């Protein structure tokens, strides 16, 4: 999309779960420290993509809004959410089908499900 990005993912651990490990077992903490929470994932995703976008546009400075608009996908709404994300470029009139949007990515096992729908 020209003015926003949709991404659906699940962190290995929530920030709260990760924080609670600091109070427990140091060995366990070392084991999970490479599994970042949502805030760290968003920080890295926005930081790296902002740098790449600024380079591509030959500009400097802030690229993304400071705040992310994240939403919890409630049980039973996963399919609806994925369908919305995949069809967003279609709804915007940028492509005929969601598969034509070259920047879409979907895990292989999910991709086969959505090709059938």
PDB file of N, CA and C in Angstrom:
ATOM      1  N   UNK A   1       0.848  -1.171   0.000  1.00  0.00           N
ATOM      2  CA  UNK A   1       0.000   0.000   0.000  1.00  0.00           C
ATOM      3  C   UNK A   1       0.895   1.237   0.000  1.00  0.00           C
ATOM      4  N   UNK A   2       0.399   2.296  -0.562  1.00  0.00           N
ATOM      5  CA  UNK A   2       1.224   3.496  -0.676  1.00  0.00           C
ATOM      6  C   UNK A   2       1.346   4.276   0.622  1.00  0.00           C
ATOM      7  N   UNK A   3       0.410   4.083   1.549  1.00  0.00           N
ATOM      8  CA  UNK A   3       0.454   4.912   2.759  1.00  0.00           C
ATOM      9  C   UNK A   3       0.338   4.136   4.070  1.00  0.00           C
ATOM     10  N   UNK A   4       0.335   2.814   4.017  1.00  0.00           N
ATOM     11  CA  UNK A   4       0.295   2.027   5.242  1.00  0.00           C
ATOM     12  C   UNK A   4       0.693   0.581   4.954  1.00  0.00           C
ATOM     13  N   UNK A   5       0.916  -0.159   6.021  1.00  0.00           N
ATOM     14  CA  UNK A   5       1.339  -1.550   5.917  1.00  0.00           C
ATOM     15  C   UNK A   5       0.468  -2.383   6.846  1.00  0.00           C
ATOM     16  N   UNK A   6       0.107  -3.566   6.384  1.00  0.00           N
ATOM     17  CA  UNK A   6      -0.576  -4.528   7.237  1.00  0.00           C
ATOM     18  C   UNK A   6       0.376  -5.698   7.465  1.00  0.00           C
ATOM     19  N   UNK A   7       0.395  -6.190   8.669  1.00  0.00           N
ATOM     20  CA  UNK A   7       1.209  -7.351   8.988  1.00  0.00           C
ATOM     21  C   UNK A   7       0.483  -8.151  10.059  1.00  0.00           C
ATOM     22  N   UNK A   8       0.443  -9.455   9.881  1.00  0.00           N
ATOM     23  CA  UNK A   8      -0.186 -10.332  10.867  1.00  0.00           C
ATOM     24  C   UNK A   8       0.883 -11.306  11.331  1.00  0.00           C
ATOM     25  N   UNK A   9       1.164 -11.286  12.621  1.00  0.00           N
ATOM     26  CA  UNK A   9       2.128 -12.211  13.178  1.00  0.00           C
ATOM     27  C   UNK A   9       1.866 -12.389  14.655  1.00  0.00           C
ATOM     28  N   UNK A  10       2.489 -13.428  15.188  1.00  0.00           N
ATOM     29  CA  UNK A  10       2.365 -13.710  16.613  1.00  0.00           C
ATOM     30  C   UNK A  10       3.762 -13.812  17.206  1.00  0.00           C
ATOM     31  N   UNK A  11       4.074 -12.977  18.180  1.00  0.00           N
ATOM     32  CA  UNK A  11       5.373 -13.104  18.853  1.00  0.00           C
ATOM     33  C   UNK A  11       5.455 -14.441  19.583  1.00  0.00           C
ATOM     34  N   UNK A  12       6.676 -14.935  19.753  1.00  0.00           N
ATOM     35  CA  UNK A  12       6.855 -16.171  20.514  1.00  0.00           C
ATOM     36  C   UNK A  12       6.368 -15.993  21.944  1.00  0.00           C
ATOM     37  N   UNK A  13       6.666 -14.830  22.534  1.00  0.00           N
ATOM     38  CA  UNK A  13       6.271 -14.514  23.900  1.00  0.00           C
ATOM     39  C   UNK A  13       5.740 -13.095  23.940  1.00  0.00           C
ATOM     40  N   UNK A  14       4.755 -12.850  24.800  1.00  0.00           N
ATOM     41  CA  UNK A  14       4.284 -11.482  24.993  1.00  0.00           C
ATOM     42  C   UNK A  14       5.329 -10.725  25.817  1.00  0.00           C
ATOM     43  N   UNK A  15       5.274  -9.397  25.759  1.00  0.00           N
ATOM     44  CA  UNK A  15       6.183  -8.593  26.576  1.00  0.00           C
ATOM     45  C   UNK A  15       6.021  -8.925  28.056  1.00  0.00           C
ATOM     46  N   UNK A  16       4.789  -9.179  28.485  1.00  0.00           N
ATOM     47  CA  UNK A  16       4.527  -9.512  29.884  1.00  0.00           C
ATOM     48  C   UNK A  16       5.161 -10.851  30.256  1.00  0.00           C
ATOM     49  N   UNK A  17       5.026 -11.846  29.376  1.00  0.00           N
ATOM     50  CA  UNK A  17       5.642 -13.151  29.635  1.00  0.00           C
ATOM     51  C   UNK A  17       7.164 -13.029  29.697  1.00  0.00           C
ATOM     52  N   UNK A  18       7.727 -12.258  28.780  1.00  0.00           N
ATOM     53  CA  UNK A  18       9.167 -12.077  28.766  1.00  0.00           C
ATOM     54  C   UNK A  18       9.645 -11.374  30.034  1.00  0.00           C
ATOM     55  N   UNK A  19       8.919 -10.340  30.439  1.00  0.00           N
ATOM     56  CA  UNK A  19       9.289  -9.606  31.656  1.00  0.00           C
ATOM     57  C   UNK A  19       9.220 -10.505  32.886  1.00  0.00           C
ATOM     58  N   UNK A  20       8.228 -11.378  32.944  1.00  0.00           N
ATOM     59  CA  UNK A  20       8.091 -12.250  34.115  1.00  0.00           C
ATOM     60  C   UNK A  20       9.266 -13.216  34.233  1.00  0.00           C
ATOM     61  N   UNK A  21       9.908 -13.536  33.120  1.00  0.00           N
ATOM     62  CA  UNK A  21      11.053 -14.443  33.155  1.00  0.00           C
ATOM     63  C   UNK A  21      12.264 -13.806  33.824  1.00  0.00           C
ATOM     64  N   UNK A  22      12.343 -12.477  33.784  1.00  0.00           N
ATOM     65  CA  UNK A  22      13.448 -11.789  34.444  1.00  0.00           C
ATOM     66  C   UNK A  22      13.438 -12.076  35.943  1.00  0.00           C
ATOM     67  N   UNK A  23      12.260 -12.302  36.485  1.00  0.00           N
ATOM     68  CA  UNK A  23      12.128 -12.533  37.920  1.00  0.00           C
ATOM     69  C   UNK A  23      12.290 -13.999  38.299  1.00  0.00           C
ATOM     70  N   UNK A  24      12.464 -14.868  37.307  1.00  0.00           N
ATOM     71  CA  UNK A  24      12.484 -16.296  37.615  1.00  0.00           C
ATOM     72  C   UNK A  24      13.879 -16.892  37.489  1.00  0.00           C
ATOM     73  N   UNK A  25      14.159 -17.491  36.377  1.00  0.00           N
ATOM     74  CA  UNK A  25      15.348 -18.318  36.202  1.00  0.00           C
ATOM     75  C   UNK A  25      16.262 -17.699  35.144  1.00  0.00           C
ATOM     76  N   UNK A  26      17.511 -17.392  35.519  1.00  0.00           N
ATOM     77  CA  UNK A  26      18.441 -16.779  34.571  1.00  0.00           C
ATOM     78  C   UNK A  26      18.749 -17.694  33.396  1.00  0.00           C
ATOM     79  N   UNK A  27      18.844 -19.003  33.620  1.00  0.00           N
ATOM     80  CA  UNK A  27      19.102 -19.933  32.526  1.00  0.00           C
ATOM     81  C   UNK A  27      17.945 -19.933  31.531  1.00  0.00           C
ATOM     82  N   UNK A  28      16.728 -19.886  32.056  1.00  0.00           N
ATOM     83  CA  UNK A  28      15.549 -19.836  31.197  1.00  0.00           C
ATOM     84  C   UNK A  28      15.528 -18.532  30.417  1.00  0.00           C
ATOM     85  N   UNK A  29      15.917 -17.457  31.061  1.00  0.00           N
ATOM     86  CA  UNK A  29      15.954 -16.157  30.386  1.00  0.00           C
ATOM     87  C   UNK A  29      16.913 -16.182  29.200  1.00  0.00           C
ATOM     88  N   UNK A  30      18.080 -16.794  29.364  1.00  0.00           N
ATOM     89  CA  UNK A  30      19.026 -16.887  28.259  1.00  0.00           C
ATOM     90  C   UNK A  30      18.445 -17.685  27.099  1.00  0.00           C
ATOM     91  N   UNK A  31      17.663 -18.682  27.423  1.00  0.00           N
ATOM     92  CA  UNK A  31      17.061 -19.537  26.398  1.00  0.00           C
ATOM     93  C   UNK A  31      16.028 -18.788  25.558  1.00  0.00           C
ATOM     94  N   UNK A  32      15.275 -17.865  26.157  1.00  0.00           N
ATOM     95  CA  UNK A  32      14.204 -17.184  25.433  1.00  0.00           C
ATOM     96  C   UNK A  32      14.549 -15.762  25.027  1.00  0.00           C
ATOM     97  N   UNK A  33      15.722 -15.278  25.384  1.00  0.00           N
ATOM     98  CA  UNK A  33      16.047 -13.887  25.102  1.00  0.00           C
ATOM     99  C   UNK A  33      16.132 -13.587  23.610  1.00  0.00           C
ATOM    100  N   UNK A  34      16.265 -14.608  22.779  1.00  0.00           N
ATOM    101  CA  UNK A  34      16.295 -14.381  21.335  1.00  0.00           C
ATOM    102  C   UNK A  34      14.894 -14.391  20.720  1.00  0.00           C
ATOM    103  N   UNK A  35      13.864 -14.436  21.550  1.00  0.00           N
ATOM    104  CA  UNK A  35      12.479 -14.409  21.080  1.00  0.00           C
ATOM    105  C   UNK A  35      11.839 -13.101  21.540  1.00  0.00           C
ATOM    106  N   UNK A  36      11.933 -12.060  20.718  1.00  0.00           N
ATOM    107  CA  UNK A  36      11.477 -10.733  21.150  1.00  0.00           C
ATOM    108  C   UNK A  36       9.962 -10.625  21.266  1.00  0.00           C
ATOM    109  N   UNK A  37       9.526  -9.708  22.108  1.00  0.00           N
ATOM    110  CA  UNK A  37       8.110  -9.408  22.251  1.00  0.00           C
ATOM    111  C   UNK A  37       7.646  -8.453  21.162  1.00  0.00           C
ATOM    112  N   UNK A  38       6.373  -8.130  21.179  1.00  0.00           N
ATOM    113  CA  UNK A  38       5.772  -7.303  20.125  1.00  0.00           C
ATOM    114  C   UNK A  38       6.435  -5.932  20.013  1.00  0.00           C
ATOM    115  N   UNK A  39       6.722  -5.281  21.129  1.00  0.00           N
ATOM    116  CA  UNK A  39       7.301  -3.935  21.042  1.00  0.00           C
ATOM    117  C   UNK A  39       8.672  -3.957  20.375  1.00  0.00           C
ATOM    118  N   UNK A  40       9.469  -4.966  20.659  1.00  0.00           N
ATOM    119  CA  UNK A  40      10.783  -5.058  20.029  1.00  0.00           C
ATOM    120  C   UNK A  40      10.654  -5.421  18.549  1.00  0.00           C
ATOM    121  N   UNK A  41       9.713  -6.287  18.221  1.00  0.00           N
ATOM    122  CA  UNK A  41       9.480  -6.650  16.818  1.00  0.00           C
ATOM    123  C   UNK A  41       9.092  -5.409  16.019  1.00  0.00           C
ATOM    124  N   UNK A  42       8.161  -4.631  16.557  1.00  0.00           N
ATOM    125  CA  UNK A  42       7.715  -3.421  15.844  1.00  0.00           C
ATOM    126  C   UNK A  42       8.842  -2.399  15.738  1.00  0.00           C
ATOM    127  N   UNK A  43       9.627  -2.240  16.793  1.00  0.00           N
ATOM    128  CA  UNK A  43      10.754  -1.301  16.772  1.00  0.00           C
ATOM    129  C   UNK A  43      11.725  -1.663  15.653  1.00  0.00           C
ATOM    130  N   UNK A  44      12.068  -2.928  15.575  1.00  0.00           N
ATOM    131  CA  UNK A  44      13.021  -3.371  14.552  1.00  0.00           C
ATOM    132  C   UNK A  44      12.420  -3.303  13.149  1.00  0.00           C
ATOM    133  N   UNK A  45      11.190  -3.720  13.012  1.00  0.00           N
ATOM    134  CA  UNK A  45      10.524  -3.695  11.710  1.00  0.00           C
ATOM    135  C   UNK A  45      10.406  -2.269  11.179  1.00  0.00           C
ATOM    136  N   UNK A  46       9.949  -1.363  12.028  1.00  0.00           N
ATOM    137  CA  UNK A  46       9.784   0.024  11.603  1.00  0.00           C
ATOM    138  C   UNK A  46      11.137   0.702  11.376  1.00  0.00           C
ATOM    139  N   UNK A  47      12.130   0.394  12.216  1.00  0.00           N
ATOM    140  CA  UNK A  47      13.444   1.009  12.058  1.00  0.00           C
ATOM    141  C   UNK A  47      14.115   0.610  10.756  1.00  0.00           C
ATOM    142  N   UNK A  48      14.124  -0.671  10.485  1.00  0.00           N
ATOM    143  CA  UNK A  48      14.778  -1.164   9.265  1.00  0.00           C
ATOM    144  C   UNK A  48      14.040  -0.703   8.013  1.00  0.00           C
ATOM    145  N   UNK A  49      12.725  -0.810   8.019  1.00  0.00           N
ATOM    146  CA  UNK A  49      11.970  -0.423   6.833  1.00  0.00           C
ATOM    147  C   UNK A  49      12.032   1.085   6.601  1.00  0.00           C
ATOM    148  N   UNK A  50      12.050   1.884   7.673  1.00  0.00           N
ATOM    149  CA  UNK A  50      12.173   3.340   7.521  1.00  0.00           C
ATOM    150  C   UNK A  50      13.499   3.691   6.858  1.00  0.00           C
ATOM    151  N   UNK A  51      14.552   3.024   7.297  1.00  0.00           N
ATOM    152  CA  UNK A  51      15.874   3.280   6.696  1.00  0.00           C
ATOM    153  C   UNK A  51      15.864   2.944   5.213  1.00  0.00           C
ATOM    154  N   UNK A  52      15.332   1.777   4.868  1.00  0.00           N
ATOM    155  CA  UNK A  52      15.299   1.353   3.466  1.00  0.00           C
ATOM    156  C   UNK A  52      14.416   2.280   2.617  1.00  0.00           C
ATOM    157  N   UNK A  53      13.274   2.671   3.156  1.00  0.00           N
ATOM    158  CA  UNK A  53      12.380   3.579   2.424  1.00  0.00           C
ATOM    159  C   UNK A  53      13.029   4.940   2.216  1.00  0.00           C
ATOM    160  N   UNK A  54      13.662   5.458   3.254  1.00  0.00           N
ATOM    161  CA  UNK A  54      14.342   6.749   3.123  1.00  0.00           C
ATOM    162  C   UNK A  54      15.466   6.681   2.097  1.00  0.00           C
ATOM    163  N   UNK A  55      16.205   5.586   2.082  1.00  0.00           N
ATOM    164  CA  UNK A  55      17.253   5.420   1.070  1.00  0.00           C
ATOM    165  C   UNK A  55      16.651   5.388  -0.331  1.00  0.00           C
ATOM    166  N   UNK A  56      15.576   4.626  -0.499  1.00  0.00           N
ATOM    167  CA  UNK A  56      14.928   4.512  -1.815  1.00  0.00           C
ATOM    168  C   UNK A  56      14.355   5.849  -2.278  1.00  0.00           C
ATOM    169  N   UNK A  57      13.882   6.662  -1.341  1.00  0.00           N
ATOM    170  CA  UNK A  57      13.277   7.955  -1.673  1.00  0.00           C
ATOM    171  C   UNK A  57      14.286   9.106  -1.608  1.00  0.00           C
ATOM    172  N   UNK A  58      15.543   8.781  -1.290  1.00  0.00           N
ATOM    173  CA  UNK A  58      16.601   9.784  -1.177  1.00  0.00           C
ATOM    174  C   UNK A  58      16.208  10.904  -0.215  1.00  0.00           C
ATOM    175  N   UNK A  59      15.776  10.488   0.979  1.00  0.00           N
ATOM    176  CA  UNK A  59      15.361  11.458   1.986  1.00  0.00           C
ATOM    177  C   UNK A  59      15.868  11.033   3.350  1.00  0.00           C
ATOM    178  N   UNK A  60      15.715  11.888   4.341  1.00  0.00           N
ATOM    179  CA  UNK A  60      16.114  11.608   5.722  1.00  0.00           C
ATOM    180  C   UNK A  60      14.970  11.970   6.649  1.00  0.00           C
ATOM    181  N   UNK A  61      15.082  11.534   7.894  1.00  0.00           N
ATOM    182  CA  UNK A  61      14.097  11.906   8.900  1.00  0.00           C
ATOM    183  C   UNK A  61      13.092  10.819   9.181  1.00  0.00           C
ATOM    184  N   UNK A  62      12.107  11.178   9.976  1.00  0.00           N
ATOM    185  CA  UNK A  62      11.065  10.224  10.367  1.00  0.00           C
ATOM    186  C   UNK A  62      10.317   9.727   9.135  1.00  0.00           C
ATOM    187  N   UNK A  63       9.966   8.478   9.179  1.00  0.00           N
ATOM    188  CA  UNK A  63       9.206   7.902   8.068  1.00  0.00           C
ATOM    189  C   UNK A  63       7.839   7.424   8.538  1.00  0.00           C
ATOM    190  N   UNK A  64       7.816   6.629   9.601  1.00  0.00           N
ATOM    191  CA  UNK A  64       6.574   6.080  10.130  1.00  0.00           C
ATOM    192  C   UNK A  64       6.020   6.969  11.238  1.00  0.00           C
ATOM    193  N   UNK A  65       4.732   6.878  11.446  1.00  0.00           N
ATOM    194  CA  UNK A  65       4.125   7.492  12.623  1.00  0.00           C
ATOM    195  C   UNK A  65       4.734   6.827  13.852  1.00  0.00           C
ATOM    196  N   UNK A  66       4.814   7.567  14.937  1.00  0.00           N
ATOM    197  CA  UNK A  66       5.408   7.016  16.155  1.00  0.00           C
ATOM    198  C   UNK A  66       4.603   5.819  16.656  1.00  0.00           C
ATOM    199  N   UNK A  67       3.304   5.931  16.640  1.00  0.00           N
ATOM    200  CA  UNK A  67       2.422   4.890  17.182  1.00  0.00           C
ATOM    201  C   UNK A  67       2.061   3.867  16.102  1.00  0.00           C
ATOM    202  N   UNK A  68       2.034   2.606  16.482  1.00  0.00           N
ATOM    203  CA  UNK A  68       1.525   1.543  15.621  1.00  0.00           C
ATOM    204  C   UNK A  68       0.090   1.262  16.025  1.00  0.00           C
ATOM    205  N   UNK A  69      -0.712   0.906  15.083  1.00  0.00           N
ATOM    206  CA  UNK A  69      -2.106   0.585  15.375  1.00  0.00           C
ATOM    207  C   UNK A  69      -2.242  -0.932  15.357  1.00  0.00           C
ATOM    208  N   UNK A  70      -1.927  -1.520  16.486  1.00  0.00           N
ATOM    209  CA  UNK A  70      -1.975  -2.969  16.566  1.00  0.00           C
ATOM    210  C   UNK A  70      -3.314  -3.422  17.134  1.00  0.00           C
ATOM    211  N   UNK A  71      -3.704  -4.599  16.736  1.00  0.00           N
ATOM    212  CA  UNK A  71      -4.975  -5.172  17.156  1.00  0.00           C
ATOM    213  C   UNK A  71      -4.770  -6.640  17.496  1.00  0.00           C
ATOM    214  N   UNK A  72      -5.439  -7.098  18.505  1.00  0.00           N
ATOM    215  CA  UNK A  72      -5.445  -8.514  18.836  1.00  0.00           C
ATOM    216  C   UNK A  72      -6.484  -9.182  17.942  1.00  0.00           C
ATOM    217  N   UNK A  73      -6.112 -10.285  17.328  1.00  0.00           N
ATOM    218  CA  UNK A  73      -7.068 -11.037  16.516  1.00  0.00           C
ATOM    219  C   UNK A  73      -7.786 -12.000  17.443  1.00  0.00           C
ATOM    220  N   UNK A  74      -9.047 -11.788  17.598  1.00  0.00           N
ATOM    221  CA  UNK A  74      -9.849 -12.594  18.512  1.00  0.00           C
ATOM    222  C   UNK A  74     -10.096 -13.987  17.921  1.00  0.00           C
ATOM    223  N   UNK A  75     -10.311 -14.952  18.797  1.00  0.00           N
ATOM    224  CA  UNK A  75     -10.609 -16.310  18.313  1.00  0.00           C
ATOM    225  C   UNK A  75     -11.778 -16.282  17.329  1.00  0.00           C
ATOM    226  N   UNK A  76     -11.613 -16.988  16.235  1.00  0.00           N
ATOM    227  CA  UNK A  76     -12.648 -17.046  15.212  1.00  0.00           C
ATOM    228  C   UNK A  76     -12.537 -15.961  14.153  1.00  0.00           C
ATOM    229  N   UNK A  77     -11.631 -14.993  14.321  1.00  0.00           N
ATOM    230  CA  UNK A  77     -11.491 -13.901  13.352  1.00  0.00           C
ATOM    231  C   UNK A  77     -10.218 -13.971  12.521  1.00  0.00           C
ATOM    232  N   UNK A  78      -9.443 -15.022  12.680  1.00  0.00           N
ATOM    233  CA  UNK A  78      -8.185 -15.111  11.947  1.00  0.00           C
ATOM    234  C   UNK A  78      -8.409 -15.096  10.435  1.00  0.00           C
ATOM    235  N   UNK A  79      -9.305 -15.947   9.949  1.00  0.00           N
ATOM    236  CA  UNK A  79      -9.572 -16.004   8.505  1.00  0.00           C
ATOM    237  C   UNK A  79     -10.043 -14.663   7.964  1.00  0.00           C
ATOM    238  N   UNK A  80     -10.935 -14.020   8.679  1.00  0.00           N
ATOM    239  CA  UNK A  80     -11.455 -12.724   8.257  1.00  0.00           C
ATOM    240  C   UNK A  80     -10.337 -11.677   8.188  1.00  0.00           C
ATOM    241  N   UNK A  81      -9.452 -11.703   9.167  1.00  0.00           N
ATOM    242  CA  UNK A  81      -8.353 -10.751   9.213  1.00  0.00           C
ATOM    243  C   UNK A  81      -7.381 -10.979   8.057  1.00  0.00           C
ATOM    244  N   UNK A  82      -7.016 -12.216   7.819  1.00  0.00           N
ATOM    245  CA  UNK A  82      -6.099 -12.534   6.712  1.00  0.00           C
ATOM    246  C   UNK A  82      -6.736 -12.139   5.385  1.00  0.00           C
ATOM    247  N   UNK A  83      -8.000 -12.446   5.216  1.00  0.00           N
ATOM    248  CA  UNK A  83      -8.710 -12.076   3.984  1.00  0.00           C
ATOM    249  C   UNK A  83      -8.683 -10.560   3.791  1.00  0.00           C
ATOM    250  N   UNK A  84      -8.919  -9.808   4.861  1.00  0.00           N
ATOM    251  CA  UNK A  84      -8.890  -8.339   4.783  1.00  0.00           C
ATOM    252  C   UNK A  84      -7.505  -7.841   4.364  1.00  0.00           C
ATOM    253  N   UNK A  85      -6.467  -8.367   5.006  1.00  0.00           N
ATOM    254  CA  UNK A  85      -5.103  -7.927   4.709  1.00  0.00           C
ATOM    255  C   UNK A  85      -4.721  -8.260   3.272  1.00  0.00           C
ATOM    256  N   UNK A  86      -4.979  -9.487   2.852  1.00  0.00           N
ATOM    257  CA  UNK A  86      -4.617  -9.887   1.489  1.00  0.00           C
ATOM    258  C   UNK A  86      -5.385  -9.097   0.430  1.00  0.00           C
ATOM    259  N   UNK A  87      -6.632  -8.765   0.706  1.00  0.00           N
ATOM    260  CA  UNK A  87      -7.448  -8.074  -0.291  1.00  0.00           C
ATOM    261  C   UNK A  87      -7.377  -6.554  -0.213  1.00  0.00           C
ATOM    262  N   UNK A  88      -6.603  -6.014   0.711  1.00  0.00           N
ATOM    263  CA  UNK A  88      -6.503  -4.564   0.844  1.00  0.00           C
ATOM    264  C   UNK A  88      -6.028  -3.882  -0.440  1.00  0.00           C
ATOM    265  N   UNK A  89      -4.995  -4.375  -1.131  1.00  0.00           N
ATOM    266  CA  UNK A  89      -4.578  -3.747  -2.391  1.00  0.00           C
ATOM    267  C   UNK A  89      -5.624  -3.891  -3.500  1.00  0.00           C
ATOM    268  N   UNK A  90      -6.414  -4.949  -3.453  1.00  0.00           N
ATOM    269  CA  UNK A  90      -7.492  -5.138  -4.427  1.00  0.00           C
ATOM    270  C   UNK A  90      -8.563  -4.075  -4.197  1.00  0.00           C
ATOM    271  N   UNK A  91      -8.954  -3.912  -2.935  1.00  0.00           N
ATOM    272  CA  UNK A  91      -9.957  -2.909  -2.576  1.00  0.00           C
ATOM    273  C   UNK A  91      -9.505  -1.500  -2.950  1.00  0.00           C
ATOM    274  N   UNK A  92      -8.199  -1.247  -2.854  1.00  0.00           N
ATOM    275  CA  UNK A  92      -7.657   0.068  -3.204  1.00  0.00           C
ATOM    276  C   UNK A  92      -7.527   0.259  -4.720  1.00  0.00           C
ATOM    277  N   UNK A  93      -7.825  -0.794  -5.489  1.00  0.00           N
ATOM    278  CA  UNK A  93      -7.767  -0.690  -6.950  1.00  0.00           C
ATOM    279  C   UNK A  93      -6.362  -0.781  -7.519  1.00  0.00           C
ATOM    280  N   UNK A  94      -5.434  -1.323  -6.750  1.00  0.00           N
ATOM    281  CA  UNK A  94      -4.045  -1.401  -7.202  1.00  0.00           C
ATOM    282  C   UNK A  94      -3.748  -2.659  -8.006  1.00  0.00           C
ATOM    283  N   UNK A  95      -4.528  -3.711  -7.775  1.00  0.00           N
ATOM    284  CA  UNK A  95      -4.369  -4.978  -8.497  1.00  0.00           C
ATOM    285  C   UNK A  95      -5.738  -5.616  -8.675  1.00  0.00           C
ATOM    286  N   UNK A  96      -5.802  -6.590  -9.561  1.00  0.00           N
ATOM    287  CA  UNK A  96      -7.065  -7.301  -9.805  1.00  0.00           C
ATOM    288  C   UNK A  96      -7.323  -8.378  -8.755  1.00  0.00           C
ATOM    289  N   UNK A  97      -6.273  -9.115  -8.377  1.00  0.00           N
ATOM    290  CA  UNK A  97      -6.406 -10.164  -7.364  1.00  0.00           C
ATOM    291  C   UNK A  97      -5.303  -9.995  -6.331  1.00  0.00           C
ATOM    292  N   UNK A  98      -5.521 -10.536  -5.134  1.00  0.00           N
ATOM    293  CA  UNK A  98      -4.530 -10.376  -4.073  1.00  0.00           C
ATOM    294  C   UNK A  98      -3.198 -11.010  -4.436  1.00  0.00           C
ATOM    295  N   UNK A  99      -3.234 -12.056  -5.261  1.00  0.00           N
ATOM    296  CA  UNK A  99      -1.989 -12.715  -5.659  1.00  0.00           C
ATOM    297  C   UNK A  99      -1.133 -11.853  -6.579  1.00  0.00           C
ATOM    298  N   UNK A 100      -1.724 -10.832  -7.189  1.00  0.00           N
ATOM    299  CA  UNK A 100      -0.983  -9.931  -8.074  1.00  0.00           C
ATOM    300  C   UNK A 100      -0.161  -8.898  -7.309  1.00  0.00           C
ATOM    301  N   UNK A 101      -0.446  -8.701  -6.023  1.00  0.00           N
ATOM    302  CA  UNK A 101       0.283  -7.712  -5.224  1.00  0.00           C
ATOM    303  C   UNK A 101       1.629  -8.307  -4.845  1.00  0.00           C
ATOM    304  N   UNK A 102       2.704  -7.810  -5.470  1.00  0.00           N
ATOM    305  CA  UNK A 102       4.014  -8.455  -5.308  1.00  0.00           C
ATOM    306  C   UNK A 102       4.599  -8.329  -3.911  1.00  0.00           C
ATOM    307  N   UNK A 103       4.056  -7.449  -3.088  1.00  0.00           N
ATOM    308  CA  UNK A 103       4.598  -7.278  -1.742  1.00  0.00           C
ATOM    309  C   UNK A 103       3.844  -8.083  -0.690  1.00  0.00           C
ATOM    310  N   UNK A 104       2.861  -8.870  -1.120  1.00  0.00           N
ATOM    311  CA  UNK A 104       2.172  -9.738  -0.163  1.00  0.00           C
ATOM    312  C   UNK A 104       3.057 -10.934   0.158  1.00  0.00           C
ATOM    313  N   UNK A 105       2.994 -11.349   1.392  1.00  0.00           N
ATOM    314  CA  UNK A 105       3.677 -12.566   1.803  1.00  0.00           C
ATOM    315  C   UNK A 105       2.745 -13.329   2.717  1.00  0.00           C
ATOM    316  N   UNK A 106       2.702 -14.617   2.529  1.00  0.00           N
ATOM    317  CA  UNK A 106       1.899 -15.478   3.373  1.00  0.00           C
ATOM    318  C   UNK A 106       2.654 -16.803   3.496  1.00  0.00           C
ATOM    319  N   UNK A 107       2.725 -17.326   4.717  1.00  0.00           N
ATOM    320  CA  UNK A 107       3.408 -18.609   4.907  1.00  0.00           C
ATOM    321  C   UNK A 107       2.852 -19.647   3.950  1.00  0.00           C
ATOM    322  N   UNK A 108       3.712 -20.534   3.479  1.00  0.00           N
ATOM    323  CA  UNK A 108       3.346 -21.511   2.452  1.00  0.00           C
ATOM    324  C   UNK A 108       2.106 -22.319   2.819  1.00  0.00           C
ATOM    325  N   UNK A 109       2.041 -22.789   4.064  1.00  0.00           N
ATOM    326  CA  UNK A 109       0.892 -23.621   4.441  1.00  0.00           C
ATOM    327  C   UNK A 109      -0.410 -22.821   4.468  1.00  0.00           C
ATOM    328  N   UNK A 110      -0.337 -21.530   4.741  1.00  0.00           N
ATOM    329  CA  UNK A 110      -1.531 -20.685   4.693  1.00  0.00           C
ATOM    330  C   UNK A 110      -1.849 -20.247   3.273  1.00  0.00           C
ATOM    331  N   UNK A 111      -0.816 -20.058   2.478  1.00  0.00           N
ATOM    332  CA  UNK A 111      -1.003 -19.614   1.103  1.00  0.00           C
ATOM    333  C   UNK A 111      -1.867 -20.595   0.326  1.00  0.00           C
ATOM    334  N   UNK A 112      -1.628 -21.877   0.510  1.00  0.00           N
ATOM    335  CA  UNK A 112      -2.426 -22.893  -0.191  1.00  0.00           C
ATOM    336  C   UNK A 112      -3.894 -22.821   0.217  1.00  0.00           C
ATOM    337  N   UNK A 113      -4.155 -22.545   1.480  1.00  0.00           N
ATOM    338  CA  UNK A 113      -5.536 -22.407   1.948  1.00  0.00           C
ATOM    339  C   UNK A 113      -6.211 -21.233   1.263  1.00  0.00           C
ATOM    340  N   UNK A 114      -5.499 -20.074   1.176  1.00  0.00           N
ATOM    341  CA  UNK A 114      -6.108 -18.871   0.618  1.00  0.00           C
ATOM    342  C   UNK A 114      -6.225 -18.920  -0.894  1.00  0.00           C
ATOM    343  N   UNK A 115      -5.430 -19.714  -1.559  1.00  0.00           N
ATOM    344  CA  UNK A 115      -5.572 -19.859  -3.012  1.00  0.00           C
ATOM    345  C   UNK A 115      -6.863 -20.603  -3.343  1.00  0.00           C
ATOM    346  N   UNK A 116      -7.334 -21.429  -2.428  1.00  0.00           N
ATOM    347  CA  UNK A 116      -8.547 -22.222  -2.644  1.00  0.00           C
ATOM    348  C   UNK A 116      -9.813 -21.414  -2.385  1.00  0.00           C
ATOM    349  N   UNK A 117      -9.676 -20.239  -1.716  1.00  0.00           N
ATOM    350  CA  UNK A 117     -10.863 -19.467  -1.341  1.00  0.00           C
ATOM    351  C   UNK A 117     -11.235 -18.464  -2.394  1.00  0.00           C
TER     352      UNK A 117
END
